[in-house]
Amino acid sequence: MGGQVAGLANRLRELRARHGLTQAQLAEQVGVSRKTINTIENRVFVPSTLLALKLARALDVSVHDIFALEEDG
């Protein structure tokens, strides 16, 4: 599998599970493929601002609750 995108941490998997949603169910709600959700959760893909906002709305949280800048080590 490809490497992780540095600099952006996310809690998408945790928040999705808290809502009892599969990757496919969340993907359908926001209009993307299950693979897209998977690549975001595994930090291979950084979503657009529009997709990040749609994910936040679907999970009833703010974008900041899902995504955060990683602290420099």
Protein backbone atom coordinates (compact mmCIF):
# COMPACT_ATOMS: atom_id res chain seq x y z
CA MET A 1 0.00 0.00 0.00
CA GLY A 2 1.11 3.57 -0.60
CA GLY A 3 2.62 5.83 2.00
CA GLN A 4 0.73 8.12 4.30
CA VAL A 5 0.25 11.80 3.58
CA ALA A 6 2.34 13.69 6.11
CA GLY A 7 0.90 16.55 8.09
CA LEU A 8 -2.79 15.69 8.32
CA ALA A 9 -4.20 13.46 11.04
CA ASN A 10 -7.80 12.30 11.03
CA ARG A 11 -10.33 10.54 13.23
CA LEU A 12 -12.65 9.52 10.39
CA ARG A 13 -12.60 5.78 11.17
CA GLU A 14 -13.35 6.38 14.85
CA LEU A 15 -16.18 8.84 14.19
CA ARG A 16 -17.70 6.66 11.45
CA ALA A 17 -17.69 3.65 13.78
CA ARG A 18 -19.28 5.73 16.55
CA HIS A 19 -22.16 6.41 14.18
CA GLY A 20 -22.43 2.71 13.29
CA LEU A 21 -21.69 3.35 9.63
CA THR A 22 -19.72 1.18 7.24
CA GLN A 23 -17.32 2.80 4.81
CA ALA A 24 -19.85 2.09 2.04
CA GLN A 25 -22.72 3.71 3.96
CA LEU A 26 -20.73 6.86 4.69
CA ALA A 27 -19.49 6.97 1.10
CA GLU A 28 -23.06 6.83 -0.21
CA GLN A 29 -24.12 9.67 2.12
CA VAL A 30 -21.39 11.99 0.83
CA GLY A 31 -21.38 10.88 -2.81
CA VAL A 32 -18.01 9.15 -3.12
CA SER A 33 -16.77 5.57 -3.42
CA ARG A 34 -16.05 3.29 -0.49
CA LYS A 35 -12.44 3.26 -1.67
CA THR A 36 -12.26 7.04 -1.22
CA ILE A 37 -13.39 6.71 2.41
CA ASN A 38 -10.82 3.94 2.90
CA THR A 39 -7.97 6.03 1.47
CA ILE A 40 -8.91 9.00 3.67
CA GLU A 41 -9.03 6.80 6.79
CA ASN A 42 -5.62 5.34 5.93
CA ARG A 43 -4.18 8.80 5.28
CA VAL A 44 -3.35 8.03 1.67
CA PHE A 45 -5.68 10.71 0.30
CA VAL A 46 -6.44 14.22 1.57
CA PRO A 47 -10.05 15.15 0.80
CA SER A 48 -11.09 18.40 -0.82
CA THR A 49 -12.58 21.07 1.39
CA LEU A 50 -16.01 20.27 -0.05
CA LEU A 51 -15.70 16.57 0.78
CA ALA A 52 -14.36 17.35 4.26
CA LEU A 53 -17.41 19.55 4.90
CA LYS A 54 -19.76 16.83 3.61
CA LEU A 55 -18.11 14.25 5.89
CA ALA A 56 -18.45 16.58 8.87
CA ARG A 57 -22.13 17.16 8.12
CA ALA A 58 -22.80 13.42 7.69
CA LEU A 59 -21.13 12.69 11.04
CA ASP A 60 -22.68 15.72 12.77
CA VAL A 61 -19.31 17.12 13.84
CA SER A 62 -17.08 20.00 12.78
CA VAL A 63 -14.31 19.51 10.23
CA HIS A 64 -11.88 20.18 13.09
CA ASP A 65 -13.29 17.17 14.94
CA ILE A 66 -12.27 14.94 12.01
CA PHE A 67 -9.09 16.51 10.68
CA ALA A 68 -6.15 18.15 12.41
CA LEU A 69 -2.68 19.28 11.50
CA GLU A 70 -0.05 17.01 12.98
CA GLU A 71 2.39 18.61 15.34
CA ASP A 72 5.94 18.83 14.02
CA GLY A 73 8.15 16.32 15.81
